[in-house]
PDB file of N, CA and C in Angstrom:
ATOM      1  N   UNK A   1      83.565  74.443 139.666  1.00  0.00           N
ATOM      2  CA  UNK A   1      83.314  75.634 140.426  1.00  0.00           C
ATOM      3  C   UNK A   1      82.623  75.242 141.734  1.00  0.00           C
ATOM      4  N   UNK A   2      83.238  75.522 142.901  1.00  0.00           N
ATOM      5  CA  UNK A   2      82.621  75.174 144.174  1.00  0.00           C
ATOM      6  C   UNK A   2      81.301  75.915 144.368  1.00  0.00           C
ATOM      7  N   UNK A   3      80.324  75.216 144.908  1.00  0.00           N
ATOM      8  CA  UNK A   3      78.990  75.785 145.070  1.00  0.00           C
ATOM      9  C   UNK A   3      78.994  76.991 145.990  1.00  0.00           C
ATOM     10  N   UNK A   4      79.843  77.004 147.032  1.00  0.00           N
ATOM     11  CA  UNK A   4      79.854  78.114 147.970  1.00  0.00           C
ATOM     12  C   UNK A   4      80.339  79.422 147.339  1.00  0.00           C
ATOM     13  N   UNK A   5      81.039  79.344 146.216  1.00  0.00           N
ATOM     14  CA  UNK A   5      81.537  80.557 145.546  1.00  0.00           C
ATOM     15  C   UNK A   5      80.599  81.070 144.458  1.00  0.00           C
ATOM     16  N   UNK A   6      79.440  80.445 144.284  1.00  0.00           N
ATOM     17  CA  UNK A   6      78.523  80.838 143.223  1.00  0.00           C
ATOM     18  C   UNK A   6      77.454  81.781 143.757  1.00  0.00           C
ATOM     19  N   UNK A   7      77.052  82.774 142.929  1.00  0.00           N
ATOM     20  CA  UNK A   7      75.951  83.631 143.297  1.00  0.00           C
ATOM     21  C   UNK A   7      74.630  82.963 142.908  1.00  0.00           C
ATOM     22  N   UNK A   8      73.544  83.644 143.150  1.00  0.00           N
ATOM     23  CA  UNK A   8      72.206  83.075 142.893  1.00  0.00           C
ATOM     24  C   UNK A   8      72.020  82.687 141.429  1.00  0.00           C
ATOM     25  N   UNK A   9      72.431  83.568 140.499  1.00  0.00           N
ATOM     26  CA  UNK A   9      72.277  83.262 139.073  1.00  0.00           C
ATOM     27  C   UNK A   9      73.120  82.054 138.672  1.00  0.00           C
ATOM     28  N   UNK A  10      74.331  81.967 139.210  1.00  0.00           N
ATOM     29  CA  UNK A  10      75.168  80.807 138.919  1.00  0.00           C
ATOM     30  C   UNK A  10      74.537  79.529 139.464  1.00  0.00           C
ATOM     31  N   UNK A  11      73.973  79.609 140.643  1.00  0.00           N
ATOM     32  CA  UNK A  11      73.280  78.449 141.229  1.00  0.00           C
ATOM     33  C   UNK A  11      72.093  78.009 140.384  1.00  0.00           C
ATOM     34  N   UNK A  12      71.331  78.986 139.872  1.00  0.00           N
ATOM     35  CA  UNK A  12      70.183  78.663 139.047  1.00  0.00           C
ATOM     36  C   UNK A  12      70.630  77.960 137.769  1.00  0.00           C
ATOM     37  N   UNK A  13      71.695  78.464 137.157  1.00  0.00           N
ATOM     38  CA  UNK A  13      72.191  77.841 135.929  1.00  0.00           C
ATOM     39  C   UNK A  13      72.761  76.457 136.238  1.00  0.00           C
ATOM     40  N   UNK A  14      73.476  76.335 137.323  1.00  0.00           N
ATOM     41  CA  UNK A  14      74.023  75.052 137.725  1.00  0.00           C
ATOM     42  C   UNK A  14      72.911  74.028 137.910  1.00  0.00           C
ATOM     43  N   UNK A  15      71.832  74.417 138.592  1.00  0.00           N
ATOM     44  CA  UNK A  15      70.697  73.523 138.795  1.00  0.00           C
ATOM     45  C   UNK A  15      70.004  73.157 137.489  1.00  0.00           C
ATOM     46  N   UNK A  16      69.868  74.141 136.583  1.00  0.00           N
ATOM     47  CA  UNK A  16      69.260  73.857 135.285  1.00  0.00           C
ATOM     48  C   UNK A  16      70.108  72.861 134.503  1.00  0.00           C
ATOM     49  N   UNK A  17      71.414  73.092 134.451  1.00  0.00           N
ATOM     50  CA  UNK A  17      72.299  72.190 133.732  1.00  0.00           C
ATOM     51  C   UNK A  17      72.240  70.784 134.295  1.00  0.00           C
ATOM     52  N   UNK A  18      72.198  70.696 135.606  1.00  0.00           N
ATOM     53  CA  UNK A  18      72.126  69.396 136.282  1.00  0.00           C
ATOM     54  C   UNK A  18      70.807  68.698 135.918  1.00  0.00           C
ATOM     55  N   UNK A  19      69.716  69.438 135.881  1.00  0.00           N
ATOM     56  CA  UNK A  19      68.405  68.861 135.613  1.00  0.00           C
ATOM     57  C   UNK A  19      68.262  68.357 134.163  1.00  0.00           C
ATOM     58  N   UNK A  20      68.988  68.988 133.215  1.00  0.00           N
ATOM     59  CA  UNK A  20      68.886  68.570 131.818  1.00  0.00           C
ATOM     60  C   UNK A  20      70.079  67.698 131.398  1.00  0.00           C
ATOM     61  N   UNK A  21      70.937  67.377 132.355  1.00  0.00           N
ATOM     62  CA  UNK A  21      72.046  66.463 132.062  1.00  0.00           C
ATOM     63  C   UNK A  21      73.208  67.067 131.295  1.00  0.00           C
ATOM     64  N   UNK A  22      73.356  68.376 131.354  1.00  0.00           N
ATOM     65  CA  UNK A  22      74.472  69.049 130.674  1.00  0.00           C
ATOM     66  C   UNK A  22      75.632  69.242 131.657  1.00  0.00           C
ATOM     67  N   UNK A  23      76.869  69.071 131.206  1.00  0.00           N
ATOM     68  CA  UNK A  23      78.014  69.279 132.075  1.00  0.00           C
ATOM     69  C   UNK A  23      78.250  70.783 132.352  1.00  0.00           C
ATOM     70  N   UNK A  24      78.894  71.068 133.467  1.00  0.00           N
ATOM     71  CA  UNK A  24      79.292  72.424 133.786  1.00  0.00           C
ATOM     72  C   UNK A  24      80.593  72.717 133.047  1.00  0.00           C
ATOM     73  N   UNK A  25      80.590  73.780 132.246  1.00  0.00           N
ATOM     74  CA  UNK A  25      81.767  74.149 131.462  1.00  0.00           C
ATOM     75  C   UNK A  25      82.041  75.638 131.626  1.00  0.00           C
ATOM     76  N   UNK A  26      83.225  76.045 131.229  1.00  0.00           N
ATOM     77  CA  UNK A  26      83.547  77.485 131.266  1.00  0.00           C
ATOM     78  C   UNK A  26      82.835  78.228 130.174  1.00  0.00           C
ATOM     79  N   UNK A  27      82.594  77.553 129.035  1.00  0.00           N
ATOM     80  CA  UNK A  27      81.852  78.191 127.933  1.00  0.00           C
ATOM     81  C   UNK A  27      81.104  77.133 127.155  1.00  0.00           C
ATOM     82  N   UNK A  28      80.097  77.607 126.406  1.00  0.00           N
ATOM     83  CA  UNK A  28      79.213  76.707 125.679  1.00  0.00           C
ATOM     84  C   UNK A  28      79.100  77.111 124.224  1.00  0.00           C
ATOM     85  N   UNK A  29      78.952  76.131 123.330  1.00  0.00           N
ATOM     86  CA  UNK A  29      78.776  76.397 121.903  1.00  0.00           C
ATOM     87  C   UNK A  29      77.372  76.933 121.639  1.00  0.00           C
ATOM     88  N   UNK A  30      77.158  77.369 120.423  1.00  0.00           N
ATOM     89  CA  UNK A  30      75.830  77.868 120.031  1.00  0.00           C
ATOM     90  C   UNK A  30      74.784  76.780 120.227  1.00  0.00           C
ATOM     91  N   UNK A  31      75.082  75.557 119.777  1.00  0.00           N
ATOM     92  CA  UNK A  31      74.107  74.481 119.916  1.00  0.00           C
ATOM     93  C   UNK A  31      73.801  74.161 121.380  1.00  0.00           C
ATOM     94  N   UNK A  32      74.836  74.193 122.210  1.00  0.00           N
ATOM     95  CA  UNK A  32      74.642  73.961 123.657  1.00  0.00           C
ATOM     96  C   UNK A  32      73.734  75.031 124.247  1.00  0.00           C
ATOM     97  N   UNK A  33      74.011  76.286 123.917  1.00  0.00           N
ATOM     98  CA  UNK A  33      73.207  77.405 124.442  1.00  0.00           C
ATOM     99  C   UNK A  33      71.754  77.288 123.979  1.00  0.00           C
ATOM    100  N   UNK A  34      71.568  76.955 122.704  1.00  0.00           N
ATOM    101  CA  UNK A  34      70.205  76.804 122.205  1.00  0.00           C
ATOM    102  C   UNK A  34      69.475  75.703 122.948  1.00  0.00           C
ATOM    103  N   UNK A  35      70.139  74.602 123.216  1.00  0.00           N
ATOM    104  CA  UNK A  35      69.534  73.496 123.957  1.00  0.00           C
ATOM    105  C   UNK A  35      69.232  73.919 125.396  1.00  0.00           C
ATOM    106  N   UNK A  36      70.180  74.557 126.054  1.00  0.00           N
ATOM    107  CA  UNK A  36      70.015  74.955 127.465  1.00  0.00           C
ATOM    108  C   UNK A  36      68.864  75.927 127.595  1.00  0.00           C
ATOM    109  N   UNK A  37      68.787  76.920 126.726  1.00  0.00           N
ATOM    110  CA  UNK A  37      67.743  77.942 126.822  1.00  0.00           C
ATOM    111  C   UNK A  37      66.460  77.565 126.117  1.00  0.00           C
ATOM    112  N   UNK A  38      66.493  76.515 125.309  1.00  0.00           N
ATOM    113  CA  UNK A  38      65.286  76.125 124.582  1.00  0.00           C
ATOM    114  C   UNK A  38      64.938  77.113 123.494  1.00  0.00           C
ATOM    115  N   UNK A  39      65.945  77.610 122.803  1.00  0.00           N
ATOM    116  CA  UNK A  39      65.727  78.584 121.736  1.00  0.00           C
ATOM    117  C   UNK A  39      66.298  78.042 120.428  1.00  0.00           C
ATOM    118  N   UNK A  40      65.915  78.679 119.329  1.00  0.00           N
ATOM    119  CA  UNK A  40      66.446  78.297 118.015  1.00  0.00           C
ATOM    120  C   UNK A  40      67.763  79.019 117.752  1.00  0.00           C
ATOM    121  N   UNK A  41      68.477  78.548 116.726  1.00  0.00           N
ATOM    122  CA  UNK A  41      69.709  79.251 116.332  1.00  0.00           C
ATOM    123  C   UNK A  41      69.403  80.673 115.884  1.00  0.00           C
ATOM    124  N   UNK A  42      68.271  80.843 115.234  1.00  0.00           N
ATOM    125  CA  UNK A  42      67.884  82.179 114.782  1.00  0.00           C
ATOM    126  C   UNK A  42      67.694  83.123 115.972  1.00  0.00           C
ATOM    127  N   UNK A  43      67.051  82.627 117.013  1.00  0.00           N
ATOM    128  CA  UNK A  43      66.854  83.428 118.234  1.00  0.00           C
ATOM    129  C   UNK A  43      68.199  83.719 118.877  1.00  0.00           C
ATOM    130  N   UNK A  44      69.078  82.735 118.916  1.00  0.00           N
ATOM    131  CA  UNK A  44      70.418  82.971 119.463  1.00  0.00           C
ATOM    132  C   UNK A  44      71.093  84.113 118.732  1.00  0.00           C
ATOM    133  N   UNK A  45      71.084  84.090 117.405  1.00  0.00           N
ATOM    134  CA  UNK A  45      71.745  85.138 116.637  1.00  0.00           C
ATOM    135  C   UNK A  45      71.054  86.489 116.839  1.00  0.00           C
ATOM    136  N   UNK A  46      69.750  86.489 116.994  1.00  0.00           N
ATOM    137  CA  UNK A  46      69.026  87.730 117.314  1.00  0.00           C
ATOM    138  C   UNK A  46      69.544  88.300 118.624  1.00  0.00           C
ATOM    139  N   UNK A  47      69.649  87.446 119.659  1.00  0.00           N
ATOM    140  CA  UNK A  47      70.128  87.900 120.954  1.00  0.00           C
ATOM    141  C   UNK A  47      71.577  88.352 120.905  1.00  0.00           C
ATOM    142  N   UNK A  48      72.392  87.689 120.092  1.00  0.00           N
ATOM    143  CA  UNK A  48      73.795  88.065 119.954  1.00  0.00           C
ATOM    144  C   UNK A  48      73.902  89.453 119.329  1.00  0.00           C
ATOM    145  N   UNK A  49      73.160  89.688 118.255  1.00  0.00           N
ATOM    146  CA  UNK A  49      73.184  90.975 117.580  1.00  0.00           C
ATOM    147  C   UNK A  49      72.640  92.056 118.506  1.00  0.00           C
ATOM    148  N   UNK A  50      71.603  91.736 119.249  1.00  0.00           N
ATOM    149  CA  UNK A  50      71.024  92.688 120.205  1.00  0.00           C
ATOM    150  C   UNK A  50      72.075  93.110 121.231  1.00  0.00           C
ATOM    151  N   UNK A  51      72.868  92.168 121.711  1.00  0.00           N
ATOM    152  CA  UNK A  51      73.924  92.482 122.684  1.00  0.00           C
ATOM    153  C   UNK A  51      75.003  93.347 122.062  1.00  0.00           C
ATOM    154  N   UNK A  52      75.372  93.035 120.817  1.00  0.00           N
ATOM    155  CA  UNK A  52      76.397  93.825 120.137  1.00  0.00           C
ATOM    156  C   UNK A  52      75.964  95.264 119.916  1.00  0.00           C
ATOM    157  N   UNK A  53      74.709  95.451 119.603  1.00  0.00           N
ATOM    158  CA  UNK A  53      74.200  96.802 119.366  1.00  0.00           C
ATOM    159  C   UNK A  53      74.011  97.572 120.654  1.00  0.00           C
ATOM    160  N   UNK A  54      73.571  96.905 121.709  1.00  0.00           N
ATOM    161  CA  UNK A  54      73.264  97.581 122.967  1.00  0.00           C
ATOM    162  C   UNK A  54      74.500  97.778 123.834  1.00  0.00           C
ATOM    163  N   UNK A  55      75.533  96.978 123.634  1.00  0.00           N
ATOM    164  CA  UNK A  55      76.709  97.034 124.513  1.00  0.00           C
ATOM    165  C   UNK A  55      76.463  96.204 125.751  1.00  0.00           C
ATOM    166  N   UNK A  56      77.362  96.282 126.681  1.00  0.00           N
ATOM    167  CA  UNK A  56      77.297  95.457 127.889  1.00  0.00           C
ATOM    168  C   UNK A  56      76.090  95.844 128.741  1.00  0.00           C
ATOM    169  N   UNK A  57      75.457  94.826 129.327  1.00  0.00           N
ATOM    170  CA  UNK A  57      74.350  95.061 130.242  1.00  0.00           C
ATOM    171  C   UNK A  57      72.989  95.108 129.579  1.00  0.00           C
ATOM    172  N   UNK A  58      72.909  94.896 128.278  1.00  0.00           N
ATOM    173  CA  UNK A  58      71.619  94.895 127.592  1.00  0.00           C
ATOM    174  C   UNK A  58      70.897  93.580 127.807  1.00  0.00           C
ATOM    175  N   UNK A  59      69.796  93.410 127.097  1.00  0.00           N
ATOM    176  CA  UNK A  59      69.006  92.187 127.200  1.00  0.00           C
ATOM    177  C   UNK A  59      69.492  91.097 126.263  1.00  0.00           C
ATOM    178  N   UNK A  60      70.518  91.370 125.498  1.00  0.00           N
ATOM    179  CA  UNK A  60      71.030  90.378 124.575  1.00  0.00           C
ATOM    180  C   UNK A  60      71.939  89.369 125.255  1.00  0.00           C
ATOM    181  N   UNK A  61      72.572  88.550 124.452  1.00  0.00           N
ATOM    182  CA  UNK A  61      73.437  87.470 124.936  1.00  0.00           C
ATOM    183  C   UNK A  61      74.806  87.643 124.299  1.00  0.00           C
ATOM    184  N   UNK A  62      75.788  88.037 125.092  1.00  0.00           N
ATOM    185  CA  UNK A  62      77.133  88.291 124.582  1.00  0.00           C
ATOM    186  C   UNK A  62      77.864  86.977 124.348  1.00  0.00           C
ATOM    187  N   UNK A  63      78.641  86.961 123.264  1.00  0.00           N
ATOM    188  CA  UNK A  63      79.408  85.782 122.926  1.00  0.00           C
ATOM    189  C   UNK A  63      80.750  86.200 122.382  1.00  0.00           C
ATOM    190  N   UNK A  64      81.669  85.246 122.312  1.00  0.00           N
ATOM    191  CA  UNK A  64      82.995  85.506 121.769  1.00  0.00           C
ATOM    192  C   UNK A  64      83.300  84.408 120.762  1.00  0.00           C
ATOM    193  N   UNK A  65      84.239  84.692 119.870  1.00  0.00           N
ATOM    194  CA  UNK A  65      84.686  83.689 118.926  1.00  0.00           C
ATOM    195  C   UNK A  65      86.018  83.167 119.433  1.00  0.00           C
ATOM    196  N   UNK A  66      86.061  81.850 119.660  1.00  0.00           N
ATOM    197  CA  UNK A  66      87.271  81.195 120.145  1.00  0.00           C
ATOM    198  C   UNK A  66      87.537  79.996 119.252  1.00  0.00           C
ATOM    199  N   UNK A  67      88.727  79.947 118.669  1.00  0.00           N
ATOM    200  CA  UNK A  67      89.087  78.869 117.744  1.00  0.00           C
ATOM    201  C   UNK A  67      88.068  78.682 116.631  1.00  0.00           C
ATOM    202  N   UNK A  68      87.647  79.779 116.015  1.00  0.00           N
ATOM    203  CA  UNK A  68      86.668  79.783 114.927  1.00  0.00           C
ATOM    204  C   UNK A  68      85.305  79.256 115.329  1.00  0.00           C
ATOM    205  N   UNK A  69      84.995  79.302 116.612  1.00  0.00           N
ATOM    206  CA  UNK A  69      83.686  78.849 117.103  1.00  0.00           C
ATOM    207  C   UNK A  69      83.136  79.891 118.060  1.00  0.00           C
ATOM    208  N   UNK A  70      81.884  80.256 117.856  1.00  0.00           N
ATOM    209  CA  UNK A  70      81.248  81.221 118.748  1.00  0.00           C
ATOM    210  C   UNK A  70      80.884  80.505 120.044  1.00  0.00           C
ATOM    211  N   UNK A  71      81.242  81.137 121.193  1.00  0.00           N
ATOM    212  CA  UNK A  71      81.025  80.542 122.495  1.00  0.00           C
ATOM    213  C   UNK A  71      80.389  81.569 123.427  1.00  0.00           C
ATOM    214  N   UNK A  72      79.628  81.074 124.406  1.00  0.00           N
ATOM    215  CA  UNK A  72      79.032  81.895 125.452  1.00  0.00           C
ATOM    216  C   UNK A  72      79.593  81.368 126.774  1.00  0.00           C
ATOM    217  N   UNK A  73      80.123  82.289 127.586  1.00  0.00           N
ATOM    218  CA  UNK A  73      80.714  81.868 128.860  1.00  0.00           C
ATOM    219  C   UNK A  73      79.618  81.483 129.852  1.00  0.00           C
ATOM    220  N   UNK A  74      79.999  80.657 130.814  1.00  0.00           N
ATOM    221  CA  UNK A  74      79.075  80.259 131.882  1.00  0.00           C
ATOM    222  C   UNK A  74      78.538  81.504 132.578  1.00  0.00           C
ATOM    223  N   UNK A  75      79.443  82.446 132.897  1.00  0.00           N
ATOM    224  CA  UNK A  75      79.012  83.644 133.635  1.00  0.00           C
ATOM    225  C   UNK A  75      78.058  84.501 132.814  1.00  0.00           C
ATOM    226  N   UNK A  76      78.277  84.603 131.498  1.00  0.00           N
ATOM    227  CA  UNK A  76      77.360  85.388 130.651  1.00  0.00           C
ATOM    228  C   UNK A  76      76.002  84.682 130.543  1.00  0.00           C
ATOM    229  N   UNK A  77      76.016  83.365 130.446  1.00  0.00           N
ATOM    230  CA  UNK A  77      74.762  82.625 130.383  1.00  0.00           C
ATOM    231  C   UNK A  77      73.968  82.798 131.677  1.00  0.00           C
ATOM    232  N   UNK A  78      74.651  82.751 132.812  1.00  0.00           N
ATOM    233  CA  UNK A  78      73.990  82.977 134.110  1.00  0.00           C
ATOM    234  C   UNK A  78      73.479  84.414 134.213  1.00  0.00           C
ATOM    235  N   UNK A  79      74.269  85.369 133.761  1.00  0.00           N
ATOM    236  CA  UNK A  79      73.851  86.783 133.798  1.00  0.00           C
ATOM    237  C   UNK A  79      72.651  87.010 132.888  1.00  0.00           C
ATOM    238  N   UNK A  80      72.640  86.385 131.713  1.00  0.00           N
ATOM    239  CA  UNK A  80      71.500  86.512 130.801  1.00  0.00           C
ATOM    240  C   UNK A  80      70.229  85.972 131.461  1.00  0.00           C
ATOM    241  N   UNK A  81      70.359  84.819 132.105  1.00  0.00           N
ATOM    242  CA  UNK A  81      69.189  84.237 132.785  1.00  0.00           C
ATOM    243  C   UNK A  81      68.691  85.162 133.887  1.00  0.00           C
ATOM    244  N   UNK A  82      69.603  85.799 134.590  1.00  0.00           N
ATOM    245  CA  UNK A  82      69.205  86.723 135.662  1.00  0.00           C
ATOM    246  C   UNK A  82      68.531  87.975 135.099  1.00  0.00           C
ATOM    247  N   UNK A  83      69.055  88.499 133.966  1.00  0.00           N
ATOM    248  CA  UNK A  83      68.459  89.687 133.350  1.00  0.00           C
ATOM    249  C   UNK A  83      67.104  89.393 132.730  1.00  0.00           C
ATOM    250  N   UNK A  84      66.933  88.172 132.240  1.00  0.00           N
ATOM    251  CA  UNK A  84      65.729  87.819 131.501  1.00  0.00           C
ATOM    252  C   UNK A  84      64.790  87.036 132.398  1.00  0.00           C
ATOM    253  N   UNK A  85      63.989  87.730 133.172  1.00  0.00           N
ATOM    254  CA  UNK A  85      63.080  87.081 134.118  1.00  0.00           C
ATOM    255  C   UNK A  85      62.050  86.205 133.441  1.00  0.00           C
ATOM    256  N   UNK A  86      61.654  86.504 132.222  1.00  0.00           N
ATOM    257  CA  UNK A  86      60.640  85.675 131.554  1.00  0.00           C
ATOM    258  C   UNK A  86      61.201  84.287 131.305  1.00  0.00           C
ATOM    259  N   UNK A  87      62.503  84.179 131.038  1.00  0.00           N
ATOM    260  CA  UNK A  87      63.092  82.859 130.851  1.00  0.00           C
ATOM    261  C   UNK A  87      63.018  82.066 132.159  1.00  0.00           C
ATOM    262  N   UNK A  88      63.368  82.723 133.272  1.00  0.00           N
ATOM    263  CA  UNK A  88      63.345  82.027 134.562  1.00  0.00           C
ATOM    264  C   UNK A  88      61.935  81.586 134.911  1.00  0.00           C
ATOM    265  N   UNK A  89      60.964  82.412 134.637  1.00  0.00           N
ATOM    266  CA  UNK A  89      59.569  82.046 134.954  1.00  0.00           C
ATOM    267  C   UNK A  89      59.092  80.889 134.096  1.00  0.00           C
ATOM    268  N   UNK A  90      59.483  80.888 132.807  1.00  0.00           N
ATOM    269  CA  UNK A  90      59.057  79.852 131.880  1.00  0.00           C
ATOM    270  C   UNK A  90      59.717  78.513 132.185  1.00  0.00           C
ATOM    271  N   UNK A  91      60.975  78.547 132.590  1.00  0.00           N
ATOM    272  CA  UNK A  91      61.713  77.304 132.822  1.00  0.00           C
ATOM    273  C   UNK A  91      61.486  76.732 134.208  1.00  0.00           C
ATOM    274  N   UNK A  92      60.978  77.526 135.123  1.00  0.00           N
ATOM    275  CA  UNK A  92      60.717  77.044 136.463  1.00  0.00           C
ATOM    276  C   UNK A  92      61.964  76.867 137.298  1.00  0.00           C
ATOM    277  N   UNK A  93      63.052  77.536 136.912  1.00  0.00           N
ATOM    278  CA  UNK A  93      64.309  77.424 137.671  1.00  0.00           C
ATOM    279  C   UNK A  93      64.248  78.305 138.885  1.00  0.00           C
TER     280      UNK A  93
END
């Protein structure tokens, strides 16, 4: 993804991934997301359920099942980081 086409949230996620040595992908597995956000699998599932109950635009983390694996898209991960200011403050991104 060219840097000039990314919004601020995408840039923040791109910088975070670069700083922790993670590759830029279209989507991430549960374990990748937990590592990137510094959360447990239990917290991930809490955020997933929260998103399912609240619908789009809530404070949860939306995911999809692809090839029998739950995945979170790059854009959803960036949007979650933008919605969740406490994460941004804690991570220093």
